Amino acid sequence: MGNTPSVPPPGGQKPKPDIKPPKVKPKDIQPKSESLTGDSSLKYMGFTFSSQKDLETFRNKFLASMMNTMMAQMKKENDRMLKAIKKLNPNTPQ
């Protein structure tokens, strides 16, 4: 491509203006702290917990599982890229 400006050809349509995506407000995913008196319980991501300790255990296990899944995916993609690079240039050191 050259350094030509984006000018429509004679008789052509005007270029469409860039449309910015709408701003989305982040949702609060933190658990609402509720007291543990009576029948009340803690809720987090749709799950109900009877104690703060159970909620923290769930959060820690959930985050650890997500981290391990992401690390495994990154390793898999890294291995795929290294294979592709090696295929393109067999003389590439490992």
N, C-alpha and C. Protein backbone atom coordinates (compact mmCIF):
# COMPACT_ATOMS: atom_id res chain seq x y z
N MET A 1 0.83 -1.18 0.00
CA MET A 1 0.00 0.00 0.00
C MET A 1 0.88 1.24 0.00
N GLY A 2 0.36 2.30 -0.53
CA GLY A 2 1.13 3.52 -0.59
C GLY A 2 0.75 4.49 0.51
N ASN A 3 1.26 5.69 0.38
CA ASN A 3 0.95 6.72 1.36
C ASN A 3 -0.20 7.59 0.88
N THR A 4 -1.09 7.03 0.09
CA THR A 4 -2.21 7.82 -0.43
C THR A 4 -3.24 8.03 0.67
N PRO A 5 -3.79 9.22 0.73
CA PRO A 5 -4.82 9.47 1.74
C PRO A 5 -6.09 8.71 1.37
N SER A 6 -6.93 8.49 2.36
CA SER A 6 -8.16 7.75 2.10
C SER A 6 -9.20 8.69 1.50
N VAL A 7 -9.05 8.96 0.23
CA VAL A 7 -9.98 9.83 -0.49
C VAL A 7 -10.79 8.94 -1.42
N PRO A 8 -12.12 9.08 -1.39
CA PRO A 8 -12.93 8.24 -2.27
C PRO A 8 -12.72 8.64 -3.73
N PRO A 9 -12.89 7.70 -4.64
CA PRO A 9 -12.76 8.03 -6.06
C PRO A 9 -13.89 8.97 -6.47
N PRO A 10 -13.70 9.69 -7.57
CA PRO A 10 -14.77 10.60 -8.02
C PRO A 10 -16.08 9.83 -8.19
N GLY A 11 -17.14 10.38 -7.64
CA GLY A 11 -18.44 9.73 -7.74
C GLY A 11 -18.64 8.63 -6.72
N GLY A 12 -17.62 8.36 -5.92
CA GLY A 12 -17.72 7.30 -4.92
C GLY A 12 -18.38 7.80 -3.64
N GLN A 13 -18.60 6.89 -2.75
CA GLN A 13 -19.22 7.26 -1.47
C GLN A 13 -18.17 7.82 -0.53
N LYS A 14 -18.63 8.64 0.40
CA LYS A 14 -17.73 9.19 1.40
C LYS A 14 -17.30 8.08 2.35
N PRO A 15 -16.06 8.14 2.87
CA PRO A 15 -15.65 7.10 3.81
C PRO A 15 -16.49 7.17 5.08
N LYS A 16 -16.76 6.00 5.64
CA LYS A 16 -17.56 5.94 6.87
C LYS A 16 -16.69 6.39 8.04
N PRO A 17 -17.27 7.17 8.95
CA PRO A 17 -16.48 7.59 10.13
C PRO A 17 -16.22 6.40 11.04
N ASP A 18 -15.11 6.47 11.76
CA ASP A 18 -14.79 5.41 12.72
C ASP A 18 -15.83 5.41 13.83
N ILE A 19 -16.37 4.25 14.11
CA ILE A 19 -17.36 4.12 15.17
C ILE A 19 -16.67 3.54 16.39
N LYS A 20 -16.73 4.27 17.49
CA LYS A 20 -16.10 3.80 18.72
C LYS A 20 -17.07 2.87 19.43
N PRO A 21 -16.58 1.76 19.97
CA PRO A 21 -17.48 0.86 20.71
C PRO A 21 -17.97 1.54 21.98
N PRO A 22 -19.17 1.20 22.41
CA PRO A 22 -19.68 1.82 23.64
C PRO A 22 -18.86 1.40 24.85
N LYS A 23 -18.75 2.30 25.79
CA LYS A 23 -18.00 2.00 27.00
C LYS A 23 -18.87 1.13 27.90
N VAL A 24 -18.30 0.03 28.34
CA VAL A 24 -19.02 -0.89 29.21
C VAL A 24 -18.47 -0.74 30.62
N LYS A 25 -19.36 -0.51 31.55
CA LYS A 25 -18.91 -0.39 32.93
C LYS A 25 -18.58 -1.78 33.47
N PRO A 26 -17.44 -1.93 34.14
CA PRO A 26 -17.10 -3.25 34.69
C PRO A 26 -18.08 -3.63 35.79
N LYS A 27 -18.43 -4.91 35.80
CA LYS A 27 -19.35 -5.39 36.83
C LYS A 27 -18.55 -5.73 38.08
N ASP A 28 -19.14 -5.49 39.20
CA ASP A 28 -18.50 -5.79 40.48
C ASP A 28 -18.69 -7.27 40.77
N ILE A 29 -17.59 -8.04 40.76
CA ILE A 29 -17.72 -9.47 41.02
C ILE A 29 -17.29 -9.83 42.43
N GLN A 30 -17.05 -8.83 43.24
CA GLN A 30 -16.69 -9.10 44.63
C GLN A 30 -17.93 -9.55 45.39
N PRO A 31 -17.77 -10.47 46.30
CA PRO A 31 -18.94 -10.92 47.06
C PRO A 31 -19.47 -9.81 47.95
N LYS A 32 -20.78 -9.77 48.07
CA LYS A 32 -21.38 -8.80 48.97
C LYS A 32 -21.20 -9.33 50.38
N SER A 33 -20.61 -8.51 51.22
CA SER A 33 -20.38 -8.99 52.58
C SER A 33 -21.70 -8.92 53.34
N GLU A 34 -22.09 -10.05 53.86
CA GLU A 34 -23.31 -10.13 54.65
C GLU A 34 -22.93 -10.75 55.99
N SER A 35 -23.65 -10.37 57.00
CA SER A 35 -23.35 -10.94 58.31
C SER A 35 -23.81 -12.39 58.35
N LEU A 36 -23.20 -13.18 59.20
CA LEU A 36 -23.52 -14.59 59.30
C LEU A 36 -24.47 -14.86 60.45
N THR A 37 -25.34 -13.92 60.73
CA THR A 37 -26.29 -14.13 61.81
C THR A 37 -27.58 -14.70 61.26
N GLY A 38 -28.17 -15.63 61.97
CA GLY A 38 -29.45 -16.19 61.56
C GLY A 38 -29.32 -17.02 60.30
N ASP A 39 -30.25 -16.83 59.35
CA ASP A 39 -30.31 -17.63 58.13
C ASP A 39 -29.48 -17.04 57.00
N SER A 40 -28.83 -15.91 57.22
CA SER A 40 -28.09 -15.28 56.12
C SER A 40 -26.84 -16.10 55.79
N SER A 41 -26.38 -15.97 54.54
CA SER A 41 -25.19 -16.70 54.10
C SER A 41 -24.43 -15.84 53.11
N LEU A 42 -23.23 -16.26 52.79
CA LEU A 42 -22.39 -15.53 51.83
C LEU A 42 -22.63 -16.07 50.44
N LYS A 43 -22.72 -15.16 49.46
CA LYS A 43 -22.91 -15.58 48.08
C LYS A 43 -21.75 -15.03 47.26
N TYR A 44 -21.27 -15.84 46.34
CA TYR A 44 -20.17 -15.45 45.47
C TYR A 44 -20.31 -16.21 44.17
N MET A 45 -20.42 -15.48 43.06
CA MET A 45 -20.53 -16.07 41.72
C MET A 45 -21.66 -17.10 41.65
N GLY A 46 -22.75 -16.82 42.30
CA GLY A 46 -23.90 -17.72 42.25
C GLY A 46 -23.86 -18.85 43.25
N PHE A 47 -22.77 -19.00 43.98
CA PHE A 47 -22.66 -20.05 44.98
C PHE A 47 -22.95 -19.46 46.36
N THR A 48 -23.51 -20.27 47.22
CA THR A 48 -23.82 -19.84 48.57
C THR A 48 -22.90 -20.58 49.55
N PHE A 49 -22.32 -19.82 50.47
CA PHE A 49 -21.39 -20.39 51.44
C PHE A 49 -21.88 -20.11 52.85
N SER A 50 -21.64 -21.05 53.73
CA SER A 50 -22.12 -20.90 55.11
C SER A 50 -21.13 -20.16 55.99
N SER A 51 -19.88 -20.06 55.55
CA SER A 51 -18.89 -19.35 56.37
C SER A 51 -17.89 -18.63 55.47
N GLN A 52 -17.25 -17.64 56.05
CA GLN A 52 -16.23 -16.88 55.32
C GLN A 52 -15.06 -17.78 54.93
N LYS A 53 -14.74 -18.75 55.78
CA LYS A 53 -13.64 -19.67 55.49
C LYS A 53 -13.95 -20.51 54.25
N ASP A 54 -15.19 -21.01 54.14
CA ASP A 54 -15.58 -21.78 52.96
C ASP A 54 -15.48 -20.94 51.69
N LEU A 55 -15.92 -19.69 51.80
CA LEU A 55 -15.86 -18.79 50.64
C LEU A 55 -14.42 -18.55 50.22
N GLU A 56 -13.54 -18.27 51.17
CA GLU A 56 -12.13 -18.02 50.86
C GLU A 56 -11.48 -19.27 50.26
N THR A 57 -11.81 -20.45 50.79
CA THR A 57 -11.26 -21.69 50.25
C THR A 57 -11.69 -21.87 48.80
N PHE A 58 -12.97 -21.63 48.53
CA PHE A 58 -13.48 -21.75 47.16
C PHE A 58 -12.77 -20.77 46.23
N ARG A 59 -12.67 -19.51 46.66
CA ARG A 59 -12.02 -18.50 45.82
C ARG A 59 -10.57 -18.88 45.53
N ASN A 60 -9.85 -19.32 46.55
CA ASN A 60 -8.44 -19.68 46.35
C ASN A 60 -8.30 -20.87 45.40
N LYS A 61 -9.14 -21.89 45.58
CA LYS A 61 -9.06 -23.06 44.70
C LYS A 61 -9.47 -22.69 43.28
N PHE A 62 -10.50 -21.85 43.15
CA PHE A 62 -10.97 -21.42 41.83
C PHE A 62 -9.88 -20.64 41.10
N LEU A 63 -9.27 -19.69 41.79
CA LEU A 63 -8.22 -18.88 41.17
C LEU A 63 -6.99 -19.71 40.83
N ALA A 64 -6.63 -20.65 41.69
CA ALA A 64 -5.48 -21.52 41.42
C ALA A 64 -5.76 -22.39 40.20
N SER A 65 -6.97 -22.91 40.11
CA SER A 65 -7.34 -23.74 38.96
C SER A 65 -7.31 -22.93 37.67
N MET A 66 -7.84 -21.70 37.73
CA MET A 66 -7.84 -20.84 36.54
C MET A 66 -6.41 -20.51 36.13
N MET A 67 -5.54 -20.23 37.09
CA MET A 67 -4.15 -19.91 36.79
C MET A 67 -3.45 -21.11 36.14
N ASN A 68 -3.66 -22.30 36.69
CA ASN A 68 -3.04 -23.50 36.12
C ASN A 68 -3.54 -23.76 34.70
N THR A 69 -4.83 -23.55 34.46
CA THR A 69 -5.38 -23.72 33.12
C THR A 69 -4.76 -22.74 32.14
N MET A 70 -4.62 -21.48 32.57
CA MET A 70 -4.03 -20.47 31.69
C MET A 70 -2.57 -20.77 31.41
N MET A 71 -1.83 -21.22 32.42
CA MET A 71 -0.42 -21.56 32.21
C MET A 71 -0.27 -22.73 31.25
N ALA A 72 -1.13 -23.74 31.38
CA ALA A 72 -1.08 -24.88 30.47
C ALA A 72 -1.39 -24.45 29.04
N GLN A 73 -2.37 -23.56 28.88
CA GLN A 73 -2.72 -23.06 27.55
C GLN A 73 -1.56 -22.27 26.95
N MET A 74 -0.91 -21.43 27.76
CA MET A 74 0.22 -20.65 27.26
C MET A 74 1.37 -21.56 26.85
N LYS A 75 1.64 -22.60 27.63
CA LYS A 75 2.72 -23.54 27.29
C LYS A 75 2.40 -24.25 25.99
N LYS A 76 1.15 -24.67 25.83
CA LYS A 76 0.74 -25.36 24.61
C LYS A 76 0.91 -24.45 23.38
N GLU A 77 0.47 -23.19 23.51
CA GLU A 77 0.62 -22.25 22.39
C GLU A 77 2.09 -21.95 22.12
N ASN A 78 2.90 -21.85 23.15
CA ASN A 78 4.33 -21.61 22.99
C ASN A 78 4.99 -22.76 22.23
N ASP A 79 4.64 -24.00 22.60
CA ASP A 79 5.19 -25.17 21.91
C ASP A 79 4.77 -25.18 20.44
N ARG A 80 3.51 -24.82 20.18
CA ARG A 80 3.03 -24.76 18.78
C ARG A 80 3.81 -23.72 17.98
N MET A 81 4.06 -22.56 18.59
CA MET A 81 4.80 -21.52 17.88
C MET A 81 6.24 -21.94 17.63
N LEU A 82 6.87 -22.59 18.61
CA LEU A 82 8.24 -23.06 18.41
C LEU A 82 8.31 -24.09 17.28
N LYS A 83 7.32 -24.99 17.21
CA LYS A 83 7.29 -25.97 16.11
C LYS A 83 7.15 -25.27 14.77
N ALA A 84 6.27 -24.25 14.71
CA ALA A 84 6.06 -23.52 13.46
C ALA A 84 7.32 -22.78 13.04
N ILE A 85 8.01 -22.17 14.00
CA ILE A 85 9.26 -21.46 13.69
C ILE A 85 10.31 -22.44 13.20
N LYS A 86 10.40 -23.59 13.87
CA LYS A 86 11.39 -24.59 13.46
C LYS A 86 11.09 -25.11 12.06
N LYS A 87 9.80 -25.23 11.74
CA LYS A 87 9.40 -25.69 10.41
C LYS A 87 9.82 -24.67 9.34
N LEU A 88 9.68 -23.38 9.67
CA LEU A 88 10.05 -22.33 8.72
C LEU A 88 11.56 -22.25 8.55
N ASN A 89 12.29 -22.43 9.63
CA ASN A 89 13.74 -22.33 9.57
C ASN A 89 14.34 -23.49 10.37
N PRO A 90 14.68 -24.59 9.71
CA PRO A 90 15.19 -25.77 10.43
C PRO A 90 16.49 -25.52 11.19
N ASN A 91 17.21 -24.45 10.87
CA ASN A 91 18.49 -24.18 11.53
C ASN A 91 18.33 -23.39 12.83
N THR A 92 17.10 -23.13 13.24
CA THR A 92 16.85 -22.36 14.46
C THR A 92 17.23 -23.19 15.68
N PRO A 93 18.07 -22.64 16.57
CA PRO A 93 18.41 -23.39 17.80
C PRO A 93 17.20 -23.45 18.73
N GLN A 94 17.18 -24.48 19.56
CA GLN A 94 16.05 -24.61 20.48
C GLN A 94 16.29 -23.87 21.74
